[in-house]
Amino acid sequence: AKHEIAQNDENDDAEDILLNQPDPDKMFCVLVSIRSFLKFLSSH
């Protein structure tokens, strides 16, 4: 976001970018196969 705001300062779009930021407390969710997630965790 900060990088995008810096790029758009000259175009006065910084306020629009901030307004489009999601509610910081809103939870987003994805349901995944637990086996799939364990396969990913092998990347530890």
PDB file of all heavy atoms in Angstrom:
ATOM      1  N   ALA A   1       0.819  -1.216   0.000  1.00  0.00           N
ATOM      2  CA  ALA A   1       0.000   0.000   0.000  1.00  0.00           C
ATOM      3  C   ALA A   1       0.853   1.267   0.000  1.00  0.00           C
ATOM      4  O   ALA A   1       0.599   2.206  -0.734  1.00  0.00           O
ATOM      5  CB  ALA A   1      -0.938   0.006   1.206  1.00  0.00           C
ATOM      6  N   LYS A   2       1.909   1.287   0.839  1.00  0.00           N
ATOM      7  CA  LYS A   2       2.735   2.492   0.917  1.00  0.00           C
ATOM      8  C   LYS A   2       3.402   2.778  -0.423  1.00  0.00           C
ATOM      9  O   LYS A   2       3.505   3.923  -0.854  1.00  0.00           O
ATOM     10  CB  LYS A   2       3.796   2.323   2.016  1.00  0.00           C
ATOM     11  CG  LYS A   2       3.212   2.303   3.418  1.00  0.00           C
ATOM     12  CD  LYS A   2       4.299   2.157   4.452  1.00  0.00           C
ATOM     13  CE  LYS A   2       3.722   2.127   5.871  1.00  0.00           C
ATOM     14  NZ  LYS A   2       4.778   1.957   6.886  1.00  0.00           N
ATOM     15  N   HIS A   3       3.867   1.706  -1.086  1.00  0.00           N
ATOM     16  CA  HIS A   3       4.501   1.870  -2.386  1.00  0.00           C
ATOM     17  C   HIS A   3       3.498   2.405  -3.404  1.00  0.00           C
ATOM     18  O   HIS A   3       3.798   3.298  -4.187  1.00  0.00           O
ATOM     19  CB  HIS A   3       5.067   0.524  -2.855  1.00  0.00           C
ATOM     20  CG  HIS A   3       5.647   0.554  -4.231  1.00  0.00           C
ATOM     21  ND1 HIS A   3       6.755   1.300  -4.551  1.00  0.00           N
ATOM     22  CD2 HIS A   3       5.265  -0.075  -5.377  1.00  0.00           C
ATOM     23  CE1 HIS A   3       7.055   1.139  -5.831  1.00  0.00           C
ATOM     24  NE2 HIS A   3       6.152   0.314  -6.358  1.00  0.00           N
ATOM     25  N   GLU A   4       2.263   1.888  -3.353  1.00  0.00           N
ATOM     26  CA  GLU A   4       1.235   2.331  -4.290  1.00  0.00           C
ATOM     27  C   GLU A   4       0.869   3.785  -4.045  1.00  0.00           C
ATOM     28  O   GLU A   4       0.683   4.562  -4.967  1.00  0.00           O
ATOM     29  CB  GLU A   4      -0.008   1.438  -4.158  1.00  0.00           C
ATOM     30  CG  GLU A   4       0.221   0.020  -4.672  1.00  0.00           C
ATOM     31  CD  GLU A   4      -0.919  -0.904  -4.323  1.00  0.00           C
ATOM     32  OE1 GLU A   4      -1.824  -0.452  -3.593  1.00  0.00           O
ATOM     33  OE2 GLU A   4      -0.905  -2.058  -4.758  1.00  0.00           O
ATOM     34  N   ILE A   5       0.807   4.160  -2.754  1.00  0.00           N
ATOM     35  CA  ILE A   5       0.469   5.543  -2.421  1.00  0.00           C
ATOM     36  C   ILE A   5       1.549   6.490  -2.923  1.00  0.00           C
ATOM     37  O   ILE A   5       1.283   7.540  -3.499  1.00  0.00           O
ATOM     38  CB  ILE A   5       0.271   5.694  -0.895  1.00  0.00           C
ATOM     39  CG1 ILE A   5      -1.002   4.966  -0.473  1.00  0.00           C
ATOM     40  CG2 ILE A   5       0.196   7.159  -0.499  1.00  0.00           C
ATOM     41  CD1 ILE A   5      -1.179   4.850   1.018  1.00  0.00           C
ATOM     42  N   ALA A   6       2.807   6.107  -2.750  1.00  0.00           N
ATOM     43  CA  ALA A   6       3.909   6.951  -3.196  1.00  0.00           C
ATOM     44  C   ALA A   6       3.864   7.143  -4.705  1.00  0.00           C
ATOM     45  O   ALA A   6       4.119   8.230  -5.218  1.00  0.00           O
ATOM     46  CB  ALA A   6       5.246   6.323  -2.777  1.00  0.00           C
ATOM     47  N   GLN A   7       3.512   6.098  -5.419  1.00  0.00           N
ATOM     48  CA  GLN A   7       3.454   6.166  -6.874  1.00  0.00           C
ATOM     49  C   GLN A   7       2.321   7.087  -7.335  1.00  0.00           C
ATOM     50  O   GLN A   7       2.413   7.724  -8.371  1.00  0.00           O
ATOM     51  CB  GLN A   7       3.231   4.778  -7.472  1.00  0.00           C
ATOM     52  CG  GLN A   7       4.501   3.943  -7.527  1.00  0.00           C
ATOM     53  CD  GLN A   7       4.260   2.676  -8.316  1.00  0.00           C
ATOM     54  OE1 GLN A   7       3.178   2.102  -8.264  1.00  0.00           O
ATOM     55  NE2 GLN A   7       5.266   2.227  -9.027  1.00  0.00           N
ATOM     56  N   ASN A   8       1.258   7.150  -6.541  1.00  0.00           N
ATOM     57  CA  ASN A   8       0.067   7.869  -6.991  1.00  0.00           C
ATOM     58  C   ASN A   8      -0.088   9.249  -6.363  1.00  0.00           C
ATOM     59  O   ASN A   8      -1.089   9.922  -6.601  1.00  0.00           O
ATOM     60  CB  ASN A   8      -1.190   7.042  -6.693  1.00  0.00           C
ATOM     61  CG  ASN A   8      -1.312   5.851  -7.632  1.00  0.00           C
ATOM     62  OD1 ASN A   8      -1.723   5.996  -8.763  1.00  0.00           O
ATOM     63  ND2 ASN A   8      -0.931   4.684  -7.145  1.00  0.00           N
ATOM     64  N   ASP A   9       0.902   9.673  -5.554  1.00  0.00           N
ATOM     65  CA  ASP A   9       0.793  10.981  -4.920  1.00  0.00           C
ATOM     66  C   ASP A   9       0.605  12.091  -5.951  1.00  0.00           C
ATOM     67  O   ASP A   9      -0.172  13.029  -5.745  1.00  0.00           O
ATOM     68  CB  ASP A   9       2.057  11.266  -4.085  1.00  0.00           C
ATOM     69  CG  ASP A   9       1.905  10.742  -2.673  1.00  0.00           C
ATOM     70  OD1 ASP A   9       0.758  10.510  -2.271  1.00  0.00           O
ATOM     71  OD2 ASP A   9       2.930  10.561  -1.985  1.00  0.00           O
ATOM     72  N   GLU A  10       1.331  12.006  -7.066  1.00  0.00           N
ATOM     73  CA  GLU A  10       1.281  13.055  -8.066  1.00  0.00           C
ATOM     74  C   GLU A  10      -0.097  13.131  -8.721  1.00  0.00           C
ATOM     75  O   GLU A  10      -0.495  14.159  -9.250  1.00  0.00           O
ATOM     76  CB  GLU A  10       2.359  12.822  -9.124  1.00  0.00           C
ATOM     77  CG  GLU A  10       3.773  12.913  -8.552  1.00  0.00           C
ATOM     78  CD  GLU A  10       4.820  12.677  -9.629  1.00  0.00           C
ATOM     79  OE1 GLU A  10       4.411  12.480 -10.799  1.00  0.00           O
ATOM     80  OE2 GLU A  10       6.013  12.716  -9.306  1.00  0.00           O
ATOM     81  N   ASN A  11      -0.832  12.021  -8.689  1.00  0.00           N
ATOM     82  CA  ASN A  11      -2.157  11.986  -9.313  1.00  0.00           C
ATOM     83  C   ASN A  11      -3.287  12.175  -8.314  1.00  0.00           C
ATOM     84  O   ASN A  11      -4.459  12.002  -8.653  1.00  0.00           O
ATOM     85  CB  ASN A  11      -2.354  10.652 -10.041  1.00  0.00           C
ATOM     86  CG  ASN A  11      -1.314  10.458 -11.129  1.00  0.00           C
ATOM     87  OD1 ASN A  11      -0.927  11.410 -11.782  1.00  0.00           O
ATOM     88  ND2 ASN A  11      -0.875   9.222 -11.306  1.00  0.00           N
ATOM     89  N   ASP A  12      -2.925  12.485  -7.073  1.00  0.00           N
ATOM     90  CA  ASP A  12      -3.918  12.696  -6.014  1.00  0.00           C
ATOM     91  C   ASP A  12      -4.824  11.485  -5.808  1.00  0.00           C
ATOM     92  O   ASP A  12      -6.005  11.628  -5.479  1.00  0.00           O
ATOM     93  CB  ASP A  12      -4.785  13.925  -6.330  1.00  0.00           C
ATOM     94  CG  ASP A  12      -3.972  15.203  -6.383  1.00  0.00           C
ATOM     95  OD1 ASP A  12      -3.019  15.319  -5.588  1.00  0.00           O
ATOM     96  OD2 ASP A  12      -4.289  16.076  -7.214  1.00  0.00           O
ATOM     97  N   ASP A  13      -4.259  10.279  -6.009  1.00  0.00           N
ATOM     98  CA  ASP A  13      -5.054   9.060  -5.842  1.00  0.00           C
ATOM     99  C   ASP A  13      -4.801   8.386  -4.499  1.00  0.00           C
ATOM    100  O   ASP A  13      -5.371   7.342  -4.215  1.00  0.00           O
ATOM    101  CB  ASP A  13      -4.738   8.052  -6.956  1.00  0.00           C
ATOM    102  CG  ASP A  13      -5.301   8.504  -8.296  1.00  0.00           C
ATOM    103  OD1 ASP A  13      -6.254   9.311  -8.270  1.00  0.00           O
ATOM    104  OD2 ASP A  13      -4.790   8.058  -9.342  1.00  0.00           O
ATOM    105  N   ALA A  14      -3.939   8.939  -3.689  1.00  0.00           N
ATOM    106  CA  ALA A  14      -3.570   8.282  -2.431  1.00  0.00           C
ATOM    107  C   ALA A  14      -4.781   8.090  -1.525  1.00  0.00           C
ATOM    108  O   ALA A  14      -4.956   7.047  -0.897  1.00  0.00           O
ATOM    109  CB  ALA A  14      -2.499   9.111  -1.705  1.00  0.00           C
ATOM    110  N   GLU A  15      -5.662   9.130  -1.480  1.00  0.00           N
ATOM    111  CA  GLU A  15      -6.840   9.028  -0.607  1.00  0.00           C
ATOM    112  C   GLU A  15      -7.757   7.899  -1.061  1.00  0.00           C
ATOM    113  O   GLU A  15      -8.313   7.155  -0.242  1.00  0.00           O
ATOM    114  CB  GLU A  15      -7.598  10.351  -0.612  1.00  0.00           C
ATOM    115  CG  GLU A  15      -8.780  10.370   0.351  1.00  0.00           C
ATOM    116  CD  GLU A  15      -9.447  11.727   0.394  1.00  0.00           C
ATOM    117  OE1 GLU A  15      -8.876  12.689  -0.165  1.00  0.00           O
ATOM    118  OE2 GLU A  15     -10.545  11.816   0.971  1.00  0.00           O
ATOM    119  N   ASP A  16      -7.902   7.721  -2.387  1.00  0.00           N
ATOM    120  CA  ASP A  16      -8.750   6.651  -2.901  1.00  0.00           C
ATOM    121  C   ASP A  16      -8.200   5.290  -2.512  1.00  0.00           C
ATOM    122  O   ASP A  16      -8.960   4.370  -2.173  1.00  0.00           O
ATOM    123  CB  ASP A  16      -8.852   6.738  -4.432  1.00  0.00           C
ATOM    124  CG  ASP A  16      -9.672   7.943  -4.871  1.00  0.00           C
ATOM    125  OD1 ASP A  16     -10.442   8.447  -4.043  1.00  0.00           O
ATOM    126  OD2 ASP A  16      -9.494   8.371  -6.031  1.00  0.00           O
ATOM    127  N   ILE A  17      -6.869   5.139  -2.571  1.00  0.00           N
ATOM    128  CA  ILE A  17      -6.260   3.852  -2.218  1.00  0.00           C
ATOM    129  C   ILE A  17      -6.519   3.532  -0.747  1.00  0.00           C
ATOM    130  O   ILE A  17      -6.858   2.407  -0.382  1.00  0.00           O
ATOM    131  CB  ILE A  17      -4.745   3.880  -2.515  1.00  0.00           C
ATOM    132  CG1 ILE A  17      -4.524   3.953  -4.029  1.00  0.00           C
ATOM    133  CG2 ILE A  17      -4.056   2.653  -1.947  1.00  0.00           C
ATOM    134  CD1 ILE A  17      -3.072   4.127  -4.418  1.00  0.00           C
ATOM    135  N   LEU A  18      -6.379   4.546   0.103  1.00  0.00           N
ATOM    136  CA  LEU A  18      -6.619   4.312   1.527  1.00  0.00           C
ATOM    137  C   LEU A  18      -8.077   3.944   1.783  1.00  0.00           C
ATOM    138  O   LEU A  18      -8.382   3.084   2.614  1.00  0.00           O
ATOM    139  CB  LEU A  18      -6.234   5.558   2.327  1.00  0.00           C
ATOM    140  CG  LEU A  18      -4.726   5.845   2.448  1.00  0.00           C
ATOM    141  CD1 LEU A  18      -4.500   7.188   3.103  1.00  0.00           C
ATOM    142  CD2 LEU A  18      -4.034   4.730   3.216  1.00  0.00           C
ATOM    143  N   LEU A  19      -9.000   4.590   1.059  1.00  0.00           N
ATOM    144  CA  LEU A  19     -10.413   4.287   1.245  1.00  0.00           C
ATOM    145  C   LEU A  19     -10.759   2.876   0.815  1.00  0.00           C
ATOM    146  O   LEU A  19     -11.709   2.276   1.324  1.00  0.00           O
ATOM    147  CB  LEU A  19     -11.260   5.300   0.456  1.00  0.00           C
ATOM    148  CG  LEU A  19     -11.274   6.734   0.998  1.00  0.00           C
ATOM    149  CD1 LEU A  19     -12.010   7.661   0.031  1.00  0.00           C
ATOM    150  CD2 LEU A  19     -11.903   6.779   2.386  1.00  0.00           C
ATOM    151  N   ASN A  20      -9.987   2.332  -0.130  1.00  0.00           N
ATOM    152  CA  ASN A  20     -10.267   0.997  -0.628  1.00  0.00           C
ATOM    153  C   ASN A  20      -9.626  -0.114   0.211  1.00  0.00           C
ATOM    154  O   ASN A  20      -9.795  -1.286  -0.097  1.00  0.00           O
ATOM    155  CB  ASN A  20      -9.776   0.862  -2.084  1.00  0.00           C
ATOM    156  CG  ASN A  20     -10.628   1.671  -3.045  1.00  0.00           C
ATOM    157  OD1 ASN A  20     -11.816   1.854  -2.798  1.00  0.00           O
ATOM    158  ND2 ASN A  20     -10.020   2.160  -4.121  1.00  0.00           N
ATOM    159  N   GLN A  21      -8.878   0.274   1.244  1.00  0.00           N
ATOM    160  CA  GLN A  21      -8.279  -0.743   2.098  1.00  0.00           C
ATOM    161  C   GLN A  21      -9.387  -1.454   2.889  1.00  0.00           C
ATOM    162  O   GLN A  21     -10.314  -0.827   3.376  1.00  0.00           O
ATOM    163  CB  GLN A  21      -7.279  -0.108   3.076  1.00  0.00           C
ATOM    164  CG  GLN A  21      -6.069   0.541   2.396  1.00  0.00           C
ATOM    165  CD  GLN A  21      -5.316  -0.434   1.538  1.00  0.00           C
ATOM    166  OE1 GLN A  21      -4.910  -1.500   1.996  1.00  0.00           O
ATOM    167  NE2 GLN A  21      -5.140  -0.091   0.274  1.00  0.00           N
ATOM    168  N   PRO A  22      -9.297  -2.798   3.046  1.00  0.00           N
ATOM    169  CA  PRO A  22     -10.332  -3.520   3.778  1.00  0.00           C
ATOM    170  C   PRO A  22     -10.321  -3.188   5.263  1.00  0.00           C
ATOM    171  O   PRO A  22      -9.319  -2.707   5.800  1.00  0.00           O
ATOM    172  CB  PRO A  22      -9.956  -4.993   3.542  1.00  0.00           C
ATOM    173  CG  PRO A  22      -8.491  -4.970   3.236  1.00  0.00           C
ATOM    174  CD  PRO A  22      -8.245  -3.671   2.533  1.00  0.00           C
ATOM    175  N   ASP A  23     -11.445  -3.438   5.915  1.00  0.00           N
ATOM    176  CA  ASP A  23     -11.550  -3.276   7.365  1.00  0.00           C
ATOM    177  C   ASP A  23     -10.464  -4.131   8.018  1.00  0.00           C
ATOM    178  O   ASP A  23     -10.421  -5.346   7.803  1.00  0.00           O
ATOM    179  CB  ASP A  23     -12.935  -3.736   7.809  1.00  0.00           C
ATOM    180  CG  ASP A  23     -13.128  -3.649   9.310  1.00  0.00           C
ATOM    181  OD1 ASP A  23     -12.159  -3.308  10.023  1.00  0.00           O
ATOM    182  OD2 ASP A  23     -14.238  -3.948   9.779  1.00  0.00           O
ATOM    183  N   PRO A  24      -9.562  -3.539   8.803  1.00  0.00           N
ATOM    184  CA  PRO A  24      -8.442  -4.314   9.364  1.00  0.00           C
ATOM    185  C   PRO A  24      -8.870  -5.446  10.283  1.00  0.00           C
ATOM    186  O   PRO A  24      -8.106  -6.392  10.498  1.00  0.00           O
ATOM    187  CB  PRO A  24      -7.631  -3.260  10.129  1.00  0.00           C
ATOM    188  CG  PRO A  24      -8.570  -2.119  10.350  1.00  0.00           C
ATOM    189  CD  PRO A  24      -9.502  -2.116   9.191  1.00  0.00           C
ATOM    190  N   ASP A  25     -10.088  -5.363  10.823  1.00  0.00           N
ATOM    191  CA  ASP A  25     -10.539  -6.405  11.740  1.00  0.00           C
ATOM    192  C   ASP A  25     -11.399  -7.477  11.066  1.00  0.00           C
ATOM    193  O   ASP A  25     -11.802  -8.449  11.706  1.00  0.00           O
ATOM    194  CB  ASP A  25     -11.325  -5.777  12.897  1.00  0.00           C
ATOM    195  CG  ASP A  25     -10.457  -4.867  13.768  1.00  0.00           C
ATOM    196  OD1 ASP A  25      -9.277  -5.225  13.975  1.00  0.00           O
ATOM    197  OD2 ASP A  25     -10.938  -3.810  14.195  1.00  0.00           O
ATOM    198  N   LYS A  26     -11.703  -7.297   9.801  1.00  0.00           N
ATOM    199  CA  LYS A  26     -12.535  -8.275   9.098  1.00  0.00           C
ATOM    200  C   LYS A  26     -11.728  -9.536   8.808  1.00  0.00           C
ATOM    201  O   LYS A  26     -10.624  -9.476   8.278  1.00  0.00           O
ATOM    202  CB  LYS A  26     -13.063  -7.690   7.789  1.00  0.00           C
ATOM    203  CG  LYS A  26     -13.958  -8.652   7.014  1.00  0.00           C
ATOM    204  CD  LYS A  26     -14.490  -8.016   5.734  1.00  0.00           C
ATOM    205  CE  LYS A  26     -15.364  -8.998   4.962  1.00  0.00           C
ATOM    206  NZ  LYS A  26     -15.907  -8.414   3.715  1.00  0.00           N
ATOM    207  N   MET A  27     -12.289 -10.694   9.160  1.00  0.00           N
ATOM    208  CA  MET A  27     -11.608 -11.969   8.943  1.00  0.00           C
ATOM    209  C   MET A  27     -11.960 -12.523   7.563  1.00  0.00           C
ATOM    210  O   MET A  27     -13.126 -12.514   7.153  1.00  0.00           O
ATOM    211  CB  MET A  27     -12.005 -12.984  10.014  1.00  0.00           C
ATOM    212  CG  MET A  27     -11.669 -12.567  11.432  1.00  0.00           C
ATOM    213  SD  MET A  27      -9.897 -12.373  11.745  1.00  0.00           S
ATOM    214  CE  MET A  27      -9.341 -14.080  11.650  1.00  0.00           C
ATOM    215  N   PHE A  28     -10.949 -12.981   6.857  1.00  0.00           N
ATOM    216  CA  PHE A  28     -11.141 -13.637   5.566  1.00  0.00           C
ATOM    217  C   PHE A  28     -10.791 -15.114   5.731  1.00  0.00           C
ATOM    218  O   PHE A  28      -9.914 -15.473   6.524  1.00  0.00           O
ATOM    219  CB  PHE A  28     -10.266 -12.986   4.500  1.00  0.00           C
ATOM    220  CG  PHE A  28     -10.615 -11.544   4.261  1.00  0.00           C
ATOM    221  CD1 PHE A  28      -9.910 -10.527   4.896  1.00  0.00           C
ATOM    222  CD2 PHE A  28     -11.660 -11.194   3.420  1.00  0.00           C
ATOM    223  CE1 PHE A  28     -10.229  -9.198   4.698  1.00  0.00           C
ATOM    224  CE2 PHE A  28     -11.993  -9.863   3.207  1.00  0.00           C
ATOM    225  CZ  PHE A  28     -11.281  -8.864   3.853  1.00  0.00           C
ATOM    226  N   CYS A  29     -11.477 -15.969   4.975  1.00  0.00           N
ATOM    227  CA  CYS A  29     -11.381 -17.411   5.233  1.00  0.00           C
ATOM    228  C   CYS A  29     -11.264 -18.205   3.934  1.00  0.00           C
ATOM    229  O   CYS A  29     -11.871 -17.866   2.914  1.00  0.00           O
ATOM    230  CB  CYS A  29     -12.612 -17.882   6.015  1.00  0.00           C
ATOM    231  SG  CYS A  29     -12.648 -19.666   6.334  1.00  0.00           S
ATOM    232  N   VAL A  30     -10.479 -19.259   4.012  1.00  0.00           N
ATOM    233  CA  VAL A  30     -10.408 -20.266   2.952  1.00  0.00           C
ATOM    234  C   VAL A  30     -10.410 -21.635   3.621  1.00  0.00           C
ATOM    235  O   VAL A  30      -9.643 -21.864   4.565  1.00  0.00           O
ATOM    236  CB  VAL A  30      -9.148 -20.107   2.078  1.00  0.00           C
ATOM    237  CG1 VAL A  30      -9.018 -21.272   1.096  1.00  0.00           C
ATOM    238  CG2 VAL A  30      -9.178 -18.790   1.319  1.00  0.00           C
ATOM    239  N   LEU A  31     -11.276 -22.535   3.167  1.00  0.00           N
ATOM    240  CA  LEU A  31     -11.295 -23.912   3.648  1.00  0.00           C
ATOM    241  C   LEU A  31     -10.426 -24.756   2.730  1.00  0.00           C
ATOM    242  O   LEU A  31     -10.605 -24.735   1.513  1.00  0.00           O
ATOM    243  CB  LEU A  31     -12.720 -24.470   3.656  1.00  0.00           C
ATOM    244  CG  LEU A  31     -13.777 -23.708   4.461  1.00  0.00           C
ATOM    245  CD1 LEU A  31     -15.126 -24.398   4.328  1.00  0.00           C
ATOM    246  CD2 LEU A  31     -13.369 -23.595   5.919  1.00  0.00           C
ATOM    247  N   VAL A  32      -9.484 -25.489   3.311  1.00  0.00           N
ATOM    248  CA  VAL A  32      -8.572 -26.290   2.493  1.00  0.00           C
ATOM    249  C   VAL A  32      -8.547 -27.728   3.008  1.00  0.00           C
ATOM    250  O   VAL A  32      -8.893 -28.010   4.164  1.00  0.00           O
ATOM    251  CB  VAL A  32      -7.140 -25.718   2.509  1.00  0.00           C
ATOM    252  CG1 VAL A  32      -7.112 -24.315   1.927  1.00  0.00           C
ATOM    253  CG2 VAL A  32      -6.543 -25.731   3.917  1.00  0.00           C
ATOM    254  N   SER A  33      -8.122 -28.625   2.138  1.00  0.00           N
ATOM    255  CA  SER A  33      -7.882 -30.008   2.544  1.00  0.00           C
ATOM    256  C   SER A  33      -6.740 -30.027   3.547  1.00  0.00           C
ATOM    257  O   SER A  33      -5.671 -29.465   3.303  1.00  0.00           O
ATOM    258  CB  SER A  33      -7.521 -30.853   1.322  1.00  0.00           C
ATOM    259  OG  SER A  33      -6.802 -32.007   1.697  1.00  0.00           O
ATOM    260  N   ILE A  34      -6.972 -30.669   4.681  1.00  0.00           N
ATOM    261  CA  ILE A  34      -5.931 -30.694   5.715  1.00  0.00           C
ATOM    262  C   ILE A  34      -4.712 -31.478   5.235  1.00  0.00           C
ATOM    263  O   ILE A  34      -3.568 -31.165   5.578  1.00  0.00           O
ATOM    264  CB  ILE A  34      -6.504 -31.261   7.035  1.00  0.00           C
ATOM    265  CG1 ILE A  34      -5.676 -30.792   8.231  1.00  0.00           C
ATOM    266  CG2 ILE A  34      -6.601 -32.782   7.004  1.00  0.00           C
ATOM    267  CD1 ILE A  34      -6.371 -30.980   9.568  1.00  0.00           C
ATOM    268  N   ARG A  35      -4.931 -32.475   4.372  1.00  0.00           N
ATOM    269  CA  ARG A  35      -3.805 -33.218   3.807  1.00  0.00           C
ATOM    270  C   ARG A  35      -2.988 -32.334   2.871  1.00  0.00           C
ATOM    271  O   ARG A  35      -1.754 -32.398   2.845  1.00  0.00           O
ATOM    272  CB  ARG A  35      -4.315 -34.457   3.067  1.00  0.00           C
ATOM    273  CG  ARG A  35      -4.870 -35.536   3.983  1.00  0.00           C
ATOM    274  CD  ARG A  35      -5.234 -36.783   3.193  1.00  0.00           C
ATOM    275  NE  ARG A  35      -5.732 -37.843   4.046  1.00  0.00           N
ATOM    276  CZ  ARG A  35      -6.090 -39.048   3.606  1.00  0.00           C
ATOM    277  NH1 ARG A  35      -6.006 -39.315   2.301  1.00  0.00           N
ATOM    278  NH2 ARG A  35      -6.532 -39.965   4.443  1.00  0.00           N
ATOM    279  N   SER A  36      -3.677 -31.509   2.083  1.00  0.00           N
ATOM    280  CA  SER A  36      -2.973 -30.578   1.197  1.00  0.00           C
ATOM    281  C   SER A  36      -2.106 -29.626   2.010  1.00  0.00           C
ATOM    282  O   SER A  36      -0.953 -29.350   1.656  1.00  0.00           O
ATOM    283  CB  SER A  36      -3.970 -29.767   0.367  1.00  0.00           C
ATOM    284  OG  SER A  36      -4.645 -30.580  -0.549  1.00  0.00           O
ATOM    285  N   PHE A  37      -2.667 -29.114   3.094  1.00  0.00           N
ATOM    286  CA  PHE A  37      -1.926 -28.150   3.900  1.00  0.00           C
ATOM    287  C   PHE A  37      -0.707 -28.807   4.552  1.00  0.00           C
ATOM    288  O   PHE A  37       0.348 -28.183   4.672  1.00  0.00           O
ATOM    289  CB  PHE A  37      -2.845 -27.541   4.958  1.00  0.00           C
ATOM    290  CG  PHE A  37      -2.303 -26.272   5.555  1.00  0.00           C
ATOM    291  CD1 PHE A  37      -2.202 -25.126   4.779  1.00  0.00           C
ATOM    292  CD2 PHE A  37      -1.906 -26.216   6.876  1.00  0.00           C
ATOM    293  CE1 PHE A  37      -1.702 -23.942   5.320  1.00  0.00           C
ATOM    294  CE2 PHE A  37      -1.409 -25.050   7.426  1.00  0.00           C
ATOM    295  CZ  PHE A  37      -1.302 -23.911   6.645  1.00  0.00           C
ATOM    296  N   LEU A  38      -0.836 -30.057   4.944  1.00  0.00           N
ATOM    297  CA  LEU A  38       0.313 -30.767   5.512  1.00  0.00           C
ATOM    298  C   LEU A  38       1.406 -30.972   4.465  1.00  0.00           C
ATOM    299  O   LEU A  38       2.599 -30.905   4.783  1.00  0.00           O
ATOM    300  CB  LEU A  38      -0.122 -32.110   6.100  1.00  0.00           C
ATOM    301  CG  LEU A  38      -0.720 -32.043   7.503  1.00  0.00           C
ATOM    302  CD1 LEU A  38      -1.343 -33.392   7.888  1.00  0.00           C
ATOM    303  CD2 LEU A  38       0.344 -31.639   8.535  1.00  0.00           C
ATOM    304  N   LYS A  39       1.009 -31.224   3.219  1.00  0.00           N
ATOM    305  CA  LYS A  39       2.008 -31.349   2.154  1.00  0.00           C
ATOM    306  C   LYS A  39       2.754 -30.030   1.975  1.00  0.00           C
ATOM    307  O   LYS A  39       3.972 -30.001   1.782  1.00  0.00           O
ATOM    308  CB  LYS A  39       1.351 -31.798   0.848  1.00  0.00           C
ATOM    309  CG  LYS A  39       0.925 -33.265   0.851  1.00  0.00           C
ATOM    310  CD  LYS A  39       0.294 -33.664  -0.467  1.00  0.00           C
ATOM    311  CE  LYS A  39      -0.150 -35.118  -0.449  1.00  0.00           C
ATOM    312  NZ  LYS A  39       0.968 -36.058  -0.379  1.00  0.00           N
ATOM    313  N   PHE A  40       2.030 -28.925   2.026  1.00  0.00           N
ATOM    314  CA  PHE A  40       2.689 -27.621   1.974  1.00  0.00           C
ATOM    315  C   PHE A  40       3.660 -27.451   3.133  1.00  0.00           C
ATOM    316  O   PHE A  40       4.770 -26.922   2.965  1.00  0.00           O
ATOM    317  CB  PHE A  40       1.647 -26.494   1.988  1.00  0.00           C
ATOM    318  CG  PHE A  40       2.140 -25.242   2.645  1.00  0.00           C
ATOM    319  CD1 PHE A  40       3.089 -24.455   2.027  1.00  0.00           C
ATOM    320  CD2 PHE A  40       1.688 -24.882   3.910  1.00  0.00           C
ATOM    321  CE1 PHE A  40       3.578 -23.308   2.658  1.00  0.00           C
ATOM    322  CE2 PHE A  40       2.162 -23.754   4.539  1.00  0.00           C
ATOM    323  CZ  PHE A  40       3.109 -22.958   3.906  1.00  0.00           C
ATOM    324  N   LEU A  41       3.258 -27.875   4.320  1.00  0.00           N
ATOM    325  CA  LEU A  41       4.090 -27.680   5.509  1.00  0.00           C
ATOM    326  C   LEU A  41       5.408 -28.450   5.445  1.00  0.00           C
ATOM    327  O   LEU A  41       6.319 -28.179   6.231  1.00  0.00           O
ATOM    328  CB  LEU A  41       3.306 -28.053   6.766  1.00  0.00           C
ATOM    329  CG  LEU A  41       2.172 -27.084   7.139  1.00  0.00           C
ATOM    330  CD1 LEU A  41       1.326 -27.648   8.270  1.00  0.00           C
ATOM    331  CD2 LEU A  41       2.728 -25.711   7.515  1.00  0.00           C
ATOM    332  N   SER A  42       5.521 -29.391   4.493  1.00  0.00           N
ATOM    333  CA  SER A  42       6.813 -30.070   4.296  1.00  0.00           C
ATOM    334  C   SER A  42       7.881 -29.089   3.845  1.00  0.00           C
ATOM    335  O   SER A  42       9.083 -29.377   3.953  1.00  0.00           O
ATOM    336  CB  SER A  42       6.670 -31.186   3.254  1.00  0.00           C
ATOM    337  OG  SER A  42       5.774 -32.187   3.691  1.00  0.00           O
ATOM    338  N   SER A  43       7.467 -27.918   3.357  1.00  0.00           N
ATOM    339  CA  SER A  43       8.434 -26.910   2.912  1.00  0.00           C
ATOM    340  C   SER A  43       9.154 -26.243   4.077  1.00  0.00           C
ATOM    341  O   SER A  43      10.004 -25.373   3.865  1.00  0.00           O
ATOM    342  CB  SER A  43       7.742 -25.849   2.055  1.00  0.00           C
ATOM    343  OG  SER A  43       6.769 -25.140   2.801  1.00  0.00           O
ATOM    344  N   HIS A  44       8.847 -26.646   5.307  1.00  0.00           N
ATOM    345  CA  HIS A  44       9.565 -26.082   6.457  1.00  0.00           C
ATOM    346  C   HIS A  44      11.067 -26.342   6.356  1.00  0.00           C
ATOM    347  O   HIS A  44      11.874 -25.611   6.940  1.00  0.00           O
ATOM    348  CB  HIS A  44       9.019 -26.658   7.773  1.00  0.00           C
ATOM    349  CG  HIS A  44       9.439 -28.059   8.059  1.00  0.00           C
ATOM    350  ND1 HIS A  44      10.633 -28.370   8.689  1.00  0.00           N
ATOM    351  CD2 HIS A  44       8.844 -29.247   7.790  1.00  0.00           C
ATOM    352  CE1 HIS A  44      10.740 -29.683   8.798  1.00  0.00           C
ATOM    353  NE2 HIS A  44       9.670 -30.235   8.257  1.00  0.00           N
TER     354      HIS A  44
END
